[in-house]
């Protein structure tokens, strides 16, 4: 199960990198750049949640 969490984290990081290249820094909240910003925020949430899941998995293994 832990490998699934790592795989999802890697996909989230790849999504962040992909969307950073789609950003237009002069107009961040217009058009396709707005979608990229929203996608980056969503991917950051995924990475954060998978990190929490990995920590909880380690705590569960220690008990």
C-alpha atoms as a PDB file:
ATOM      1  CA  UNK A   1       0.000   0.000   0.000  1.00  0.00           C
ATOM      2  CA  UNK A   2       2.885   2.326   0.748  1.00  0.00           C
ATOM      3  CA  UNK A   3       4.106   1.996  -2.851  1.00  0.00           C
ATOM      4  CA  UNK A   4       0.749   3.245  -4.106  1.00  0.00           C
ATOM      5  CA  UNK A   5       1.165   6.359  -1.964  1.00  0.00           C
ATOM      6  CA  UNK A   6       4.646   6.929  -3.403  1.00  0.00           C
ATOM      7  CA  UNK A   7       3.333   6.456  -6.956  1.00  0.00           C
ATOM      8  CA  UNK A   8       0.539   8.964  -6.377  1.00  0.00           C
ATOM      9  CA  UNK A   9       3.054  11.430  -4.917  1.00  0.00           C
ATOM     10  CA  UNK A  10       5.281  11.062  -7.976  1.00  0.00           C
ATOM     11  CA  UNK A  11       2.301  11.658 -10.268  1.00  0.00           C
ATOM     12  CA  UNK A  12       1.383  14.736  -8.251  1.00  0.00           C
ATOM     13  CA  UNK A  13       4.903  16.130  -8.505  1.00  0.00           C
ATOM     14  CA  UNK A  14       4.941  15.414 -12.243  1.00  0.00           C
ATOM     15  CA  UNK A  15       1.646  17.278 -12.561  1.00  0.00           C
ATOM     16  CA  UNK A  16       3.114  20.257 -10.714  1.00  0.00           C
ATOM     17  CA  UNK A  17       6.146  20.345 -13.006  1.00  0.00           C
ATOM     18  CA  UNK A  18       3.971  20.031 -16.119  1.00  0.00           C
ATOM     19  CA  UNK A  19       1.682  22.848 -15.039  1.00  0.00           C
ATOM     20  CA  UNK A  20       4.533  25.169 -14.060  1.00  0.00           C
ATOM     21  CA  UNK A  21       5.571  25.180 -17.716  1.00  0.00           C
ATOM     22  CA  UNK A  22       2.046  26.231 -18.726  1.00  0.00           C
ATOM     23  CA  UNK A  23       2.057  29.307 -16.488  1.00  0.00           C
ATOM     24  CA  UNK A  24       2.097  32.785 -17.987  1.00  0.00           C
ATOM     25  CA  UNK A  25       3.642  34.870 -15.229  1.00  0.00           C
ATOM     26  CA  UNK A  26       2.356  38.152 -16.642  1.00  0.00           C
ATOM     27  CA  UNK A  27      -1.288  37.009 -16.440  1.00  0.00           C
ATOM     28  CA  UNK A  28      -1.500  34.271 -13.810  1.00  0.00           C
ATOM     29  CA  UNK A  29      -5.264  34.240 -13.442  1.00  0.00           C
ATOM     30  CA  UNK A  30      -6.295  34.460 -17.097  1.00  0.00           C
ATOM     31  CA  UNK A  31      -7.136  31.619 -19.477  1.00  0.00           C
ATOM     32  CA  UNK A  32      -4.988  28.518 -19.551  1.00  0.00           C
ATOM     33  CA  UNK A  33      -2.682  29.913 -16.903  1.00  0.00           C
ATOM     34  CA  UNK A  34      -5.590  30.009 -14.452  1.00  0.00           C
ATOM     35  CA  UNK A  35      -6.230  26.310 -15.044  1.00  0.00           C
ATOM     36  CA  UNK A  36      -2.536  25.619 -14.450  1.00  0.00           C
ATOM     37  CA  UNK A  37      -2.591  27.517 -11.136  1.00  0.00           C
ATOM     38  CA  UNK A  38      -5.644  25.585  -9.955  1.00  0.00           C
ATOM     39  CA  UNK A  39      -4.028  22.304 -11.031  1.00  0.00           C
ATOM     40  CA  UNK A  40      -0.824  23.152  -9.166  1.00  0.00           C
ATOM     41  CA  UNK A  41      -2.778  23.884  -5.990  1.00  0.00           C
ATOM     42  CA  UNK A  42      -4.697  20.607  -6.359  1.00  0.00           C
ATOM     43  CA  UNK A  43      -1.486  18.642  -6.943  1.00  0.00           C
ATOM     44  CA  UNK A  44       0.110  20.242  -3.877  1.00  0.00           C
ATOM     45  CA  UNK A  45      -2.893  19.078  -1.840  1.00  0.00           C
ATOM     46  CA  UNK A  46      -2.447  15.555  -3.198  1.00  0.00           C
ATOM     47  CA  UNK A  47       1.247  15.507  -2.293  1.00  0.00           C
ATOM     48  CA  UNK A  48       0.460  16.822   1.194  1.00  0.00           C
ATOM     49  CA  UNK A  49      -2.271  14.235   1.758  1.00  0.00           C
ATOM     50  CA  UNK A  50      -0.061  11.378   0.566  1.00  0.00           C
ATOM     51  CA  UNK A  51       2.662  12.587   2.931  1.00  0.00           C
ATOM     52  CA  UNK A  52       0.173  12.473   5.799  1.00  0.00           C
ATOM     53  CA  UNK A  53      -0.897   8.981   4.744  1.00  0.00           C
ATOM     54  CA  UNK A  54       2.723   7.790   4.701  1.00  0.00           C
ATOM     55  CA  UNK A  55       3.320   9.202   8.180  1.00  0.00           C
ATOM     56  CA  UNK A  56       0.178   7.522   9.506  1.00  0.00           C
ATOM     57  CA  UNK A  57       1.251   4.261   7.847  1.00  0.00           C
ATOM     58  CA  UNK A  58       4.631   4.455   9.633  1.00  0.00           C
ATOM     59  CA  UNK A  59       2.934   5.144  12.978  1.00  0.00           C
ATOM     60  CA  UNK A  60       0.655   2.159  12.426  1.00  0.00           C
ATOM     61  CA  UNK A  61       3.665  -0.086  11.695  1.00  0.00           C
ATOM     62  CA  UNK A  62       5.411   0.969  14.921  1.00  0.00           C
ATOM     63  CA  UNK A  63       2.508  -0.124  17.116  1.00  0.00           C
END
